[in-house]
Amino acid sequence: MGIRIEKKNKTRVLHIEGDATIAMAEELKNQVAQGLLESESLTISLEKVADIDISCIQLVCSANRSFENHNKKLRVKTGKNSEQIKKFLIEAGYDTSGGCPEGACKQCLWKGDSR
């Protein structure tokens, strides 16, 4: 369980397995920061996440803004875990139909079918 990193040219995929909670937040932050430095695009795969808490959700949102500010692409992949991730987002208070009320990101990771 944890984060497995896959690198290909200027792209990077972070495969998160198990619980994406406060215990993983520092490692996730470090891997996202490294991805911002070394990659043109980063995909965060939540396909094997059993649970995700607000700390990791907020970290992914912040990462999305950082990638946009650097004209790079961040993507979240949920696969068959899409409904479970949507449930976690709703429980955390996120609007999965309209995105953030601040409209901070050009492309909301959680809005509609962008996952």
PDB file of N, CA and C in Angstrom:
ATOM      1  N   MET A   1       0.831  -1.182   0.000  1.00  0.00           N
ATOM      2  CA  MET A   1       0.000   0.000   0.000  1.00  0.00           C
ATOM      3  C   MET A   1       0.875   1.244   0.000  1.00  0.00           C
ATOM      4  N   GLY A   2       0.407   2.283  -0.656  1.00  0.00           N
ATOM      5  CA  GLY A   2       1.165   3.515  -0.721  1.00  0.00           C
ATOM      6  C   GLY A   2       1.103   4.108  -2.107  1.00  0.00           C
ATOM      7  N   ILE A   3       2.221   4.685  -2.539  1.00  0.00           N
ATOM      8  CA  ILE A   3       2.293   5.335  -3.841  1.00  0.00           C
ATOM      9  C   ILE A   3       3.349   4.640  -4.692  1.00  0.00           C
ATOM     10  N   ARG A   4       2.933   4.209  -5.873  1.00  0.00           N
ATOM     11  CA  ARG A   4       3.847   3.628  -6.852  1.00  0.00           C
ATOM     12  C   ARG A   4       3.972   4.644  -7.987  1.00  0.00           C
ATOM     13  N   ILE A   5       5.192   4.906  -8.423  1.00  0.00           N
ATOM     14  CA  ILE A   5       5.459   5.934  -9.419  1.00  0.00           C
ATOM     15  C   ILE A   5       5.829   5.292 -10.742  1.00  0.00           C
ATOM     16  N   GLU A   6       5.198   5.774 -11.802  1.00  0.00           N
ATOM     17  CA  GLU A   6       5.491   5.309 -13.155  1.00  0.00           C
ATOM     18  C   GLU A   6       5.914   6.538 -13.967  1.00  0.00           C
ATOM     19  N   LYS A   7       7.109   6.470 -14.562  1.00  0.00           N
ATOM     20  CA  LYS A   7       7.630   7.592 -15.345  1.00  0.00           C
ATOM     21  C   LYS A   7       7.811   7.159 -16.791  1.00  0.00           C
ATOM     22  N   LYS A   8       7.351   8.027 -17.708  1.00  0.00           N
ATOM     23  CA  LYS A   8       7.544   7.802 -19.140  1.00  0.00           C
ATOM     24  C   LYS A   8       7.801   9.158 -19.775  1.00  0.00           C
ATOM     25  N   ASN A   9       9.007   9.341 -20.280  1.00  0.00           N
ATOM     26  CA  ASN A   9       9.388  10.603 -20.912  1.00  0.00           C
ATOM     27  C   ASN A   9       9.052  11.783 -20.011  1.00  0.00           C
ATOM     28  N   LYS A  10       8.171  12.665 -20.458  1.00  0.00           N
ATOM     29  CA  LYS A  10       7.799  13.866 -19.691  1.00  0.00           C
ATOM     30  C   LYS A  10       6.468  13.693 -18.954  1.00  0.00           C
ATOM     31  N   THR A  11       6.047  12.439 -18.762  1.00  0.00           N
ATOM     32  CA  THR A  11       4.808  12.180 -18.028  1.00  0.00           C
ATOM     33  C   THR A  11       5.109  11.324 -16.807  1.00  0.00           C
ATOM     34  N   ARG A  12       4.234  11.429 -15.848  1.00  0.00           N
ATOM     35  CA  ARG A  12       4.393  10.669 -14.611  1.00  0.00           C
ATOM     36  C   ARG A  12       3.009  10.258 -14.137  1.00  0.00           C
ATOM     37  N   VAL A  13       2.903   9.036 -13.608  1.00  0.00           N
ATOM     38  CA  VAL A  13       1.658   8.543 -13.021  1.00  0.00           C
ATOM     39  C   VAL A  13       1.945   8.141 -11.581  1.00  0.00           C
ATOM     40  N   LEU A  14       1.130   8.655 -10.666  1.00  0.00           N
ATOM     41  CA  LEU A  14       1.194   8.244  -9.266  1.00  0.00           C
ATOM     42  C   LEU A  14       0.023   7.303  -9.018  1.00  0.00           C
ATOM     43  N   HIS A  15       0.328   6.042  -8.771  1.00  0.00           N
ATOM     44  CA  HIS A  15      -0.698   5.043  -8.478  1.00  0.00           C
ATOM     45  C   HIS A  15      -0.833   4.964  -6.961  1.00  0.00           C
ATOM     46  N   ILE A  16      -1.970   5.409  -6.439  1.00  0.00           N
ATOM     47  CA  ILE A  16      -2.194   5.383  -4.999  1.00  0.00           C
ATOM     48  C   ILE A  16      -3.031   4.162  -4.664  1.00  0.00           C
ATOM     49  N   GLU A  17      -2.558   3.391  -3.689  1.00  0.00           N
ATOM     50  CA  GLU A  17      -3.264   2.181  -3.269  1.00  0.00           C
ATOM     51  C   GLU A  17      -3.511   2.227  -1.773  1.00  0.00           C
ATOM     52  N   GLY A  18      -4.686   1.755  -1.366  1.00  0.00           N
ATOM     53  CA  GLY A  18      -5.032   1.738   0.052  1.00  0.00           C
ATOM     54  C   GLY A  18      -5.712   3.027   0.469  1.00  0.00           C
ATOM     55  N   ASP A  19      -5.345   3.530   1.625  1.00  0.00           N
ATOM     56  CA  ASP A  19      -5.972   4.731   2.175  1.00  0.00           C
ATOM     57  C   ASP A  19      -5.162   5.974   1.854  1.00  0.00           C
ATOM     58  N   ALA A  20      -5.786   6.922   1.168  1.00  0.00           N
ATOM     59  CA  ALA A  20      -5.164   8.217   0.877  1.00  0.00           C
ATOM     60  C   ALA A  20      -5.648   9.179   1.965  1.00  0.00           C
ATOM     61  N   THR A  21      -4.966   9.123   3.094  1.00  0.00           N
ATOM     62  CA  THR A  21      -5.378   9.912   4.254  1.00  0.00           C
ATOM     63  C   THR A  21      -4.201  10.766   4.730  1.00  0.00           C
ATOM     64  N   ILE A  22      -4.404  11.449   5.823  1.00  0.00           N
ATOM     65  CA  ILE A  22      -3.382  12.345   6.374  1.00  0.00           C
ATOM     66  C   ILE A  22      -2.037  11.641   6.535  1.00  0.00           C
ATOM     67  N   ALA A  23      -2.048  10.350   6.803  1.00  0.00           N
ATOM     68  CA  ALA A  23      -0.801   9.596   6.957  1.00  0.00           C
ATOM     69  C   ALA A  23       0.009   9.557   5.661  1.00  0.00           C
ATOM     70  N   MET A  24      -0.656   9.709   4.511  1.00  0.00           N
ATOM     71  CA  MET A  24       0.015   9.668   3.217  1.00  0.00           C
ATOM     72  C   MET A  24       0.232  11.069   2.645  1.00  0.00           C
ATOM     73  N   ALA A  25      -0.337  12.078   3.258  1.00  0.00           N
ATOM     74  CA  ALA A  25      -0.347  13.428   2.675  1.00  0.00           C
ATOM     75  C   ALA A  25       1.046  13.977   2.390  1.00  0.00           C
ATOM     76  N   GLU A  26       1.990  13.815   3.286  1.00  0.00           N
ATOM     77  CA  GLU A  26       3.328  14.360   3.058  1.00  0.00           C
ATOM     78  C   GLU A  26       4.013  13.675   1.873  1.00  0.00           C
ATOM     79  N   GLU A  27       3.906  12.351   1.807  1.00  0.00           N
ATOM     80  CA  GLU A  27       4.500  11.624   0.676  1.00  0.00           C
ATOM     81  C   GLU A  27       3.832  12.038  -0.635  1.00  0.00           C
ATOM     82  N   LEU A  28       2.510  12.183  -0.622  1.00  0.00           N
ATOM     83  CA  LEU A  28       1.796  12.600  -1.825  1.00  0.00           C
ATOM     84  C   LEU A  28       2.222  14.005  -2.240  1.00  0.00           C
ATOM     85  N   LYS A  29       2.318  14.909  -1.282  1.00  0.00           N
ATOM     86  CA  LYS A  29       2.760  16.282  -1.563  1.00  0.00           C
ATOM     87  C   LYS A  29       4.146  16.277  -2.207  1.00  0.00           C
ATOM     88  N   ASN A  30       5.067  15.503  -1.655  1.00  0.00           N
ATOM     89  CA  ASN A  30       6.421  15.432  -2.191  1.00  0.00           C
ATOM     90  C   ASN A  30       6.444  14.866  -3.612  1.00  0.00           C
ATOM     91  N   GLN A  31       5.659  13.837  -3.864  1.00  0.00           N
ATOM     92  CA  GLN A  31       5.623  13.228  -5.191  1.00  0.00           C
ATOM     93  C   GLN A  31       4.981  14.161  -6.221  1.00  0.00           C
ATOM     94  N   VAL A  32       3.948  14.891  -5.804  1.00  0.00           N
ATOM     95  CA  VAL A  32       3.314  15.859  -6.706  1.00  0.00           C
ATOM     96  C   VAL A  32       4.294  16.989  -7.025  1.00  0.00           C
ATOM     97  N   ALA A  33       5.000  17.485  -6.008  1.00  0.00           N
ATOM     98  CA  ALA A  33       5.992  18.555  -6.217  1.00  0.00           C
ATOM     99  C   ALA A  33       7.094  18.088  -7.167  1.00  0.00           C
ATOM    100  N   GLN A  34       7.548  16.867  -6.997  1.00  0.00           N
ATOM    101  CA  GLN A  34       8.569  16.303  -7.890  1.00  0.00           C
ATOM    102  C   GLN A  34       8.024  16.185  -9.305  1.00  0.00           C
ATOM    103  N   GLY A  35       6.774  15.778  -9.418  1.00  0.00           N
ATOM    104  CA  GLY A  35       6.141  15.678 -10.729  1.00  0.00           C
ATOM    105  C   GLY A  35       6.027  17.032 -11.407  1.00  0.00           C
ATOM    106  N   LEU A  36       5.749  18.067 -10.648  1.00  0.00           N
ATOM    107  CA  LEU A  36       5.659  19.413 -11.201  1.00  0.00           C
ATOM    108  C   LEU A  36       7.012  19.865 -11.744  1.00  0.00           C
ATOM    109  N   LEU A  37       8.078  19.515 -11.049  1.00  0.00           N
ATOM    110  CA  LEU A  37       9.426  19.888 -11.488  1.00  0.00           C
ATOM    111  C   LEU A  37       9.895  19.106 -12.711  1.00  0.00           C
ATOM    112  N   GLU A  38       9.577  17.824 -12.748  1.00  0.00           N
ATOM    113  CA  GLU A  38      10.176  16.932 -13.746  1.00  0.00           C
ATOM    114  C   GLU A  38       9.273  16.547 -14.908  1.00  0.00           C
ATOM    115  N   SER A  39       7.986  16.849 -14.843  1.00  0.00           N
ATOM    116  CA  SER A  39       7.049  16.343 -15.839  1.00  0.00           C
ATOM    117  C   SER A  39       6.231  17.453 -16.472  1.00  0.00           C
ATOM    118  N   GLU A  40       5.752  17.180 -17.668  1.00  0.00           N
ATOM    119  CA  GLU A  40       4.807  18.081 -18.332  1.00  0.00           C
ATOM    120  C   GLU A  40       3.379  17.734 -17.958  1.00  0.00           C
ATOM    121  N   SER A  41       3.157  16.468 -17.596  1.00  0.00           N
ATOM    122  CA  SER A  41       1.824  16.047 -17.168  1.00  0.00           C
ATOM    123  C   SER A  41       1.952  15.005 -16.064  1.00  0.00           C
ATOM    124  N   LEU A  42       0.956  15.030 -15.189  1.00  0.00           N
ATOM    125  CA  LEU A  42       0.915  14.101 -14.064  1.00  0.00           C
ATOM    126  C   LEU A  42      -0.490  13.538 -13.968  1.00  0.00           C
ATOM    127  N   THR A  43      -0.570  12.229 -13.820  1.00  0.00           N
ATOM    128  CA  THR A  43      -1.848  11.576 -13.565  1.00  0.00           C
ATOM    129  C   THR A  43      -1.777  10.982 -12.169  1.00  0.00           C
ATOM    130  N   ILE A  44      -2.820  11.245 -11.383  1.00  0.00           N
ATOM    131  CA  ILE A  44      -2.943  10.640 -10.064  1.00  0.00           C
ATOM    132  C   ILE A  44      -4.026   9.583 -10.178  1.00  0.00           C
ATOM    133  N   SER A  45      -3.629   8.335 -10.069  1.00  0.00           N
ATOM    134  CA  SER A  45      -4.570   7.228 -10.187  1.00  0.00           C
ATOM    135  C   SER A  45      -5.130   6.877  -8.809  1.00  0.00           C
ATOM    136  N   LEU A  46      -6.451   7.012  -8.699  1.00  0.00           N
ATOM    137  CA  LEU A  46      -7.160   6.660  -7.460  1.00  0.00           C
ATOM    138  C   LEU A  46      -7.938   5.361  -7.641  1.00  0.00           C
ATOM    139  N   GLU A  47      -7.578   4.599  -8.648  1.00  0.00           N
ATOM    140  CA  GLU A  47      -8.313   3.385  -8.996  1.00  0.00           C
ATOM    141  C   GLU A  47      -8.280   2.318  -7.898  1.00  0.00           C
ATOM    142  N   LYS A  48      -7.255   2.349  -7.056  1.00  0.00           N
ATOM    143  CA  LYS A  48      -7.147   1.335  -6.002  1.00  0.00           C
ATOM    144  C   LYS A  48      -7.184   1.957  -4.607  1.00  0.00           C
ATOM    145  N   VAL A  49      -7.801   3.141  -4.508  1.00  0.00           N
ATOM    146  CA  VAL A  49      -7.933   3.808  -3.208  1.00  0.00           C
ATOM    147  C   VAL A  49      -9.125   3.230  -2.463  1.00  0.00           C
ATOM    148  N   ALA A  50      -8.899   2.848  -1.213  1.00  0.00           N
ATOM    149  CA  ALA A  50      -9.975   2.324  -0.372  1.00  0.00           C
ATOM    150  C   ALA A  50     -10.698   3.450   0.365  1.00  0.00           C
ATOM    151  N   ASP A  51      -9.955   4.511   0.697  1.00  0.00           N
ATOM    152  CA  ASP A  51     -10.515   5.651   1.423  1.00  0.00           C
ATOM    153  C   ASP A  51      -9.667   6.872   1.087  1.00  0.00           C
ATOM    154  N   ILE A  52     -10.295   8.044   1.056  1.00  0.00           N
ATOM    155  CA  ILE A  52      -9.564   9.284   0.843  1.00  0.00           C
ATOM    156  C   ILE A  52     -10.158  10.323   1.776  1.00  0.00           C
ATOM    157  N   ASP A  53      -9.303  11.079   2.443  1.00  0.00           N
ATOM    158  CA  ASP A  53      -9.812  12.094   3.360  1.00  0.00           C
ATOM    159  C   ASP A  53      -9.574  13.492   2.798  1.00  0.00           C
ATOM    160  N   ILE A  54     -10.072  14.473   3.523  1.00  0.00           N
ATOM    161  CA  ILE A  54     -10.045  15.861   3.067  1.00  0.00           C
ATOM    162  C   ILE A  54      -8.621  16.362   2.843  1.00  0.00           C
ATOM    163  N   SER A  55      -7.653  15.873   3.613  1.00  0.00           N
ATOM    164  CA  SER A  55      -6.278  16.351   3.444  1.00  0.00           C
ATOM    165  C   SER A  55      -5.749  16.008   2.053  1.00  0.00           C
ATOM    166  N   CYS A  56      -5.993  14.810   1.594  1.00  0.00           N
ATOM    167  CA  CYS A  56      -5.506  14.404   0.277  1.00  0.00           C
ATOM    168  C   CYS A  56      -6.359  15.008  -0.842  1.00  0.00           C
ATOM    169  N   ILE A  57      -7.656  15.173  -0.619  1.00  0.00           N
ATOM    170  CA  ILE A  57      -8.506  15.825  -1.612  1.00  0.00           C
ATOM    171  C   ILE A  57      -8.037  17.258  -1.826  1.00  0.00           C
ATOM    172  N   GLN A  58      -7.801  17.979  -0.730  1.00  0.00           N
ATOM    173  CA  GLN A  58      -7.334  19.364  -0.834  1.00  0.00           C
ATOM    174  C   GLN A  58      -5.953  19.444  -1.481  1.00  0.00           C
ATOM    175  N   LEU A  59      -5.098  18.490  -1.166  1.00  0.00           N
ATOM    176  CA  LEU A  59      -3.768  18.468  -1.757  1.00  0.00           C
ATOM    177  C   LEU A  59      -3.850  18.302  -3.272  1.00  0.00           C
ATOM    178  N   VAL A  60      -4.732  17.421  -3.733  1.00  0.00           N
ATOM    179  CA  VAL A  60      -4.895  17.207  -5.177  1.00  0.00           C
ATOM    180  C   VAL A  60      -5.462  18.468  -5.835  1.00  0.00           C
ATOM    181  N   CYS A  61      -6.407  19.147  -5.170  1.00  0.00           N
ATOM    182  CA  CYS A  61      -6.954  20.396  -5.712  1.00  0.00           C
ATOM    183  C   CYS A  61      -5.867  21.465  -5.818  1.00  0.00           C
ATOM    184  N   SER A  62      -5.067  21.586  -4.787  1.00  0.00           N
ATOM    185  CA  SER A  62      -3.965  22.553  -4.790  1.00  0.00           C
ATOM    186  C   SER A  62      -2.961  22.221  -5.902  1.00  0.00           C
ATOM    187  N   ALA A  63      -2.687  20.950  -6.065  1.00  0.00           N
ATOM    188  CA  ALA A  63      -1.769  20.516  -7.125  1.00  0.00           C
ATOM    189  C   ALA A  63      -2.321  20.899  -8.493  1.00  0.00           C
ATOM    190  N   ASN A  64      -3.615  20.761  -8.665  1.00  0.00           N
ATOM    191  CA  ASN A  64      -4.237  21.122  -9.939  1.00  0.00           C
ATOM    192  C   ASN A  64      -4.013  22.597 -10.257  1.00  0.00           C
ATOM    193  N   ARG A  65      -4.192  23.464  -9.266  1.00  0.00           N
ATOM    194  CA  ARG A  65      -3.944  24.896  -9.472  1.00  0.00           C
ATOM    195  C   ARG A  65      -2.471  25.148  -9.807  1.00  0.00           C
ATOM    196  N   SER A  66      -1.566  24.481  -9.106  1.00  0.00           N
ATOM    197  CA  SER A  66      -0.134  24.653  -9.371  1.00  0.00           C
ATOM    198  C   SER A  66       0.221  24.220 -10.785  1.00  0.00           C
ATOM    199  N   PHE A  67      -0.283  23.086 -11.217  1.00  0.00           N
ATOM    200  CA  PHE A  67      -0.005  22.615 -12.569  1.00  0.00           C
ATOM    201  C   PHE A  67      -0.565  23.584 -13.601  1.00  0.00           C
ATOM    202  N   GLU A  68      -1.792  24.071 -13.383  1.00  0.00           N
ATOM    203  CA  GLU A  68      -2.368  25.047 -14.314  1.00  0.00           C
ATOM    204  C   GLU A  68      -1.521  26.317 -14.374  1.00  0.00           C
ATOM    205  N   ASN A  69      -1.048  26.787 -13.218  1.00  0.00           N
ATOM    206  CA  ASN A  69      -0.227  28.003 -13.170  1.00  0.00           C
ATOM    207  C   ASN A  69       1.092  27.845 -13.925  1.00  0.00           C
ATOM    208  N   HIS A  70       1.552  26.607 -14.079  1.00  0.00           N
ATOM    209  CA  HIS A  70       2.794  26.323 -14.812  1.00  0.00           C
ATOM    210  C   HIS A  70       2.516  25.795 -16.228  1.00  0.00           C
ATOM    211  N   ASN A  71       1.262  25.939 -16.670  1.00  0.00           N
ATOM    212  CA  ASN A  71       0.849  25.457 -17.999  1.00  0.00           C
ATOM    213  C   ASN A  71       1.170  23.982 -18.210  1.00  0.00           C
ATOM    214  N   LYS A  72       0.933  23.213 -17.162  1.00  0.00           N
ATOM    215  CA  LYS A  72       1.117  21.765 -17.214  1.00  0.00           C
ATOM    216  C   LYS A  72      -0.225  21.100 -16.920  1.00  0.00           C
ATOM    217  N   LYS A  73      -0.314  19.815 -17.181  1.00  0.00           N
ATOM    218  CA  LYS A  73      -1.570  19.087 -17.074  1.00  0.00           C
ATOM    219  C   LYS A  73      -1.557  18.117 -15.896  1.00  0.00           C
ATOM    220  N   LEU A  74      -2.584  18.217 -15.061  1.00  0.00           N
ATOM    221  CA  LEU A  74      -2.804  17.254 -13.976  1.00  0.00           C
ATOM    222  C   LEU A  74      -4.142  16.578 -14.233  1.00  0.00           C
ATOM    223  N   ARG A  75      -4.158  15.283 -14.064  1.00  0.00           N
ATOM    224  CA  ARG A  75      -5.360  14.495 -14.310  1.00  0.00           C
ATOM    225  C   ARG A  75      -5.550  13.529 -13.159  1.00  0.00           C
ATOM    226  N   VAL A  76      -6.801  13.255 -12.825  1.00  0.00           N
ATOM    227  CA  VAL A  76      -7.122  12.233 -11.835  1.00  0.00           C
ATOM    228  C   VAL A  76      -7.856  11.113 -12.553  1.00  0.00           C
ATOM    229  N   LYS A  77      -7.419   9.901 -12.286  1.00  0.00           N
ATOM    230  CA  LYS A  77      -8.034   8.723 -12.900  1.00  0.00           C
ATOM    231  C   LYS A  77      -8.675   7.890 -11.798  1.00  0.00           C
ATOM    232  N   THR A  78      -9.985   7.643 -11.929  1.00  0.00           N
ATOM    233  CA  THR A  78     -10.684   6.876 -10.899  1.00  0.00           C
ATOM    234  C   THR A  78     -11.139   5.508 -11.376  1.00  0.00           C
ATOM    235  N   GLY A  79     -11.295   5.341 -12.677  1.00  0.00           N
ATOM    236  CA  GLY A  79     -11.686   4.049 -13.242  1.00  0.00           C
ATOM    237  C   GLY A  79     -12.946   3.495 -12.615  1.00  0.00           C
ATOM    238  N   LYS A  80     -12.923   2.235 -12.267  1.00  0.00           N
ATOM    239  CA  LYS A  80     -14.085   1.563 -11.675  1.00  0.00           C
ATOM    240  C   LYS A  80     -14.396   2.083 -10.272  1.00  0.00           C
ATOM    241  N   ASN A  81     -13.469   2.844  -9.706  1.00  0.00           N
ATOM    242  CA  ASN A  81     -13.629   3.392  -8.359  1.00  0.00           C
ATOM    243  C   ASN A  81     -14.339   4.757  -8.378  1.00  0.00           C
ATOM    244  N   SER A  82     -14.845   5.168  -9.527  1.00  0.00           N
ATOM    245  CA  SER A  82     -15.415   6.493  -9.721  1.00  0.00           C
ATOM    246  C   SER A  82     -16.547   6.816  -8.740  1.00  0.00           C
ATOM    247  N   GLU A  83     -17.483   5.913  -8.572  1.00  0.00           N
ATOM    248  CA  GLU A  83     -18.626   6.176  -7.672  1.00  0.00           C
ATOM    249  C   GLU A  83     -18.186   6.270  -6.217  1.00  0.00           C
ATOM    250  N   GLN A  84     -17.215   5.452  -5.817  1.00  0.00           N
ATOM    251  CA  GLN A  84     -16.707   5.507  -4.441  1.00  0.00           C
ATOM    252  C   GLN A  84     -15.989   6.839  -4.193  1.00  0.00           C
ATOM    253  N   ILE A  85     -15.181   7.288  -5.144  1.00  0.00           N
ATOM    254  CA  ILE A  85     -14.482   8.563  -5.011  1.00  0.00           C
ATOM    255  C   ILE A  85     -15.497   9.703  -4.962  1.00  0.00           C
ATOM    256  N   LYS A  86     -16.512   9.641  -5.817  1.00  0.00           N
ATOM    257  CA  LYS A  86     -17.570  10.665  -5.809  1.00  0.00           C
ATOM    258  C   LYS A  86     -18.245  10.719  -4.444  1.00  0.00           C
ATOM    259  N   LYS A  87     -18.501   9.568  -3.849  1.00  0.00           N
ATOM    260  CA  LYS A  87     -19.107   9.506  -2.510  1.00  0.00           C
ATOM    261  C   LYS A  87     -18.203  10.189  -1.481  1.00  0.00           C
ATOM    262  N   PHE A  88     -16.902   9.915  -1.520  1.00  0.00           N
ATOM    263  CA  PHE A  88     -15.958  10.551  -0.597  1.00  0.00           C
ATOM    264  C   PHE A  88     -15.968  12.074  -0.778  1.00  0.00           C
ATOM    265  N   LEU A  89     -16.004  12.525  -2.038  1.00  0.00           N
ATOM    266  CA  LEU A  89     -16.012  13.961  -2.318  1.00  0.00           C
ATOM    267  C   LEU A  89     -17.263  14.635  -1.769  1.00  0.00           C
ATOM    268  N   ILE A  90     -18.399  14.021  -1.986  1.00  0.00           N
ATOM    269  CA  ILE A  90     -19.661  14.579  -1.489  1.00  0.00           C
ATOM    270  C   ILE A  90     -19.654  14.633   0.027  1.00  0.00           C
ATOM    271  N   GLU A  91     -19.184  13.567   0.678  1.00  0.00           N
ATOM    272  CA  GLU A  91     -19.098  13.541   2.144  1.00  0.00           C
ATOM    273  C   GLU A  91     -18.167  14.629   2.668  1.00  0.00           C
ATOM    274  N   ALA A  92     -17.152  14.992   1.871  1.00  0.00           N
ATOM    275  CA  ALA A  92     -16.198  16.035   2.274  1.00  0.00           C
ATOM    276  C   ALA A  92     -16.720  17.440   1.946  1.00  0.00           C
ATOM    277  N   GLY A  93     -17.889  17.517   1.286  1.00  0.00           N
ATOM    278  CA  GLY A  93     -18.482  18.811   0.991  1.00  0.00           C
ATOM    279  C   GLY A  93     -18.179  19.363  -0.380  1.00  0.00           C
ATOM    280  N   TYR A  94     -17.637  18.541  -1.278  1.00  0.00           N
ATOM    281  CA  TYR A  94     -17.320  19.002  -2.631  1.00  0.00           C
ATOM    282  C   TYR A  94     -18.540  18.849  -3.536  1.00  0.00           C
ATOM    283  N   ASP A  95     -18.720  19.815  -4.425  1.00  0.00           N
ATOM    284  CA  ASP A  95     -19.803  19.797  -5.414  1.00  0.00           C
ATOM    285  C   ASP A  95     -19.251  19.166  -6.680  1.00  0.00           C
ATOM    286  N   THR A  96     -19.630  17.922  -6.936  1.00  0.00           N
ATOM    287  CA  THR A  96     -19.083  17.211  -8.094  1.00  0.00           C
ATOM    288  C   THR A  96     -19.798  17.561  -9.393  1.00  0.00           C
ATOM    289  N   SER A  97     -20.804  18.414  -9.315  1.00  0.00           N
ATOM    290  CA  SER A  97     -21.484  18.819 -10.551  1.00  0.00           C
ATOM    291  C   SER A  97     -21.056  20.200 -11.017  1.00  0.00           C
ATOM    292  N   GLY A  98     -20.670  21.080 -10.086  1.00  0.00           N
ATOM    293  CA  GLY A  98     -20.364  22.453 -10.467  1.00  0.00           C
ATOM    294  C   GLY A  98     -18.956  22.908 -10.185  1.00  0.00           C
ATOM    295  N   GLY A  99     -18.183  22.103  -9.483  1.00  0.00           N
ATOM    296  CA  GLY A  99     -16.818  22.507  -9.142  1.00  0.00           C
ATOM    297  C   GLY A  99     -16.789  23.466  -7.959  1.00  0.00           C
ATOM    298  N   CYS A 100     -15.647  24.033  -7.701  1.00  0.00           N
ATOM    299  CA  CYS A 100     -15.462  24.942  -6.566  1.00  0.00           C
ATOM    300  C   CYS A 100     -16.248  26.234  -6.758  1.00  0.00           C
ATOM    301  N   PRO A 101     -16.806  26.757  -5.680  1.00  0.00           N
ATOM    302  CA  PRO A 101     -17.516  28.036  -5.816  1.00  0.00           C
ATOM    303  C   PRO A 101     -16.572  29.176  -6.195  1.00  0.00           C
ATOM    304  N   GLU A 102     -15.299  29.071  -5.835  1.00  0.00           N
ATOM    305  CA  GLU A 102     -14.326  30.113  -6.171  1.00  0.00           C
ATOM    306  C   GLU A 102     -13.950  30.085  -7.647  1.00  0.00           C
ATOM    307  N   GLY A 103     -14.201  28.964  -8.308  1.00  0.00           N
ATOM    308  CA  GLY A 103     -13.800  28.825  -9.709  1.00  0.00           C
ATOM    309  C   GLY A 103     -12.299  28.972  -9.877  1.00  0.00           C
ATOM    310  N   ALA A 104     -11.541  28.465  -8.903  1.00  0.00           N
ATOM    311  CA  ALA A 104     -10.092  28.644  -8.867  1.00  0.00           C
ATOM    312  C   ALA A 104      -9.360  27.955 -10.016  1.00  0.00           C
ATOM    313  N   CYS A 105      -9.924  26.888 -10.548  1.00  0.00           N
ATOM    314  CA  CYS A 105      -9.253  26.133 -11.607  1.00  0.00           C
ATOM    315  C   CYS A 105     -10.009  26.248 -12.918  1.00  0.00           C
ATOM    316  N   LYS A 106      -9.274  26.277 -13.993  1.00  0.00           N
ATOM    317  CA  LYS A 106      -9.896  26.276 -15.322  1.00  0.00           C
ATOM    318  C   LYS A 106     -10.608  24.951 -15.552  1.00  0.00           C
ATOM    319  N   GLN A 107      -9.966  23.871 -15.137  1.00  0.00           N
ATOM    320  CA  GLN A 107     -10.497  22.522 -15.303  1.00  0.00           C
ATOM    321  C   GLN A 107     -10.585  21.860 -13.928  1.00  0.00           C
ATOM    322  N   CYS A 108     -11.784  21.778 -13.383  1.00  0.00           N
ATOM    323  CA  CYS A 108     -11.966  21.138 -12.070  1.00  0.00           C
ATOM    324  C   CYS A 108     -11.784  19.630 -12.217  1.00  0.00           C
ATOM    325  N   LEU A 109     -10.964  19.064 -11.356  1.00  0.00           N
ATOM    326  CA  LEU A 109     -10.707  17.623 -11.397  1.00  0.00           C
ATOM    327  C   LEU A 109     -11.921  16.803 -10.995  1.00  0.00           C
ATOM    328  N   TRP A 110     -12.785  17.373 -10.190  1.00  0.00           N
ATOM    329  CA  TRP A 110     -13.884  16.613  -9.609  1.00  0.00           C
ATOM    330  C   TRP A 110     -15.206  16.841 -10.328  1.00  0.00           C
ATOM    331  N   LYS A 111     -15.277  17.811 -11.223  1.00  0.00           N
ATOM    332  CA  LYS A 111     -16.522  18.189 -11.859  1.00  0.00           C
ATOM    333  C   LYS A 111     -16.931  17.205 -12.941  1.00  0.00           C
ATOM    334  N   GLY A 112     -18.156  16.728 -12.857  1.00  0.00           N
ATOM    335  CA  GLY A 112     -18.753  15.912 -13.907  1.00  0.00           C
ATOM    336  C   GLY A 112     -17.917  14.723 -14.306  1.00  0.00           C
ATOM    337  N   ASP A 113     -17.672  14.612 -15.598  1.00  0.00           N
ATOM    338  CA  ASP A 113     -16.957  13.452 -16.146  1.00  0.00           C
ATOM    339  C   ASP A 113     -15.495  13.739 -16.429  1.00  0.00           C
ATOM    340  N   SER A 114     -14.912  14.765 -15.791  1.00  0.00           N
ATOM    341  CA  SER A 114     -13.509  15.067 -16.063  1.00  0.00           C
ATOM    342  C   SER A 114     -12.568  14.045 -15.443  1.00  0.00           C
ATOM    343  N   ARG A 115     -13.106  13.128 -14.635  1.00  0.00           N
ATOM    344  CA  ARG A 115     -12.283  12.091 -14.021  1.00  0.00           C
ATOM    345  C   ARG A 115     -12.081  10.994 -15.026  1.00  0.00           C
TER     346      ARG A 115
END
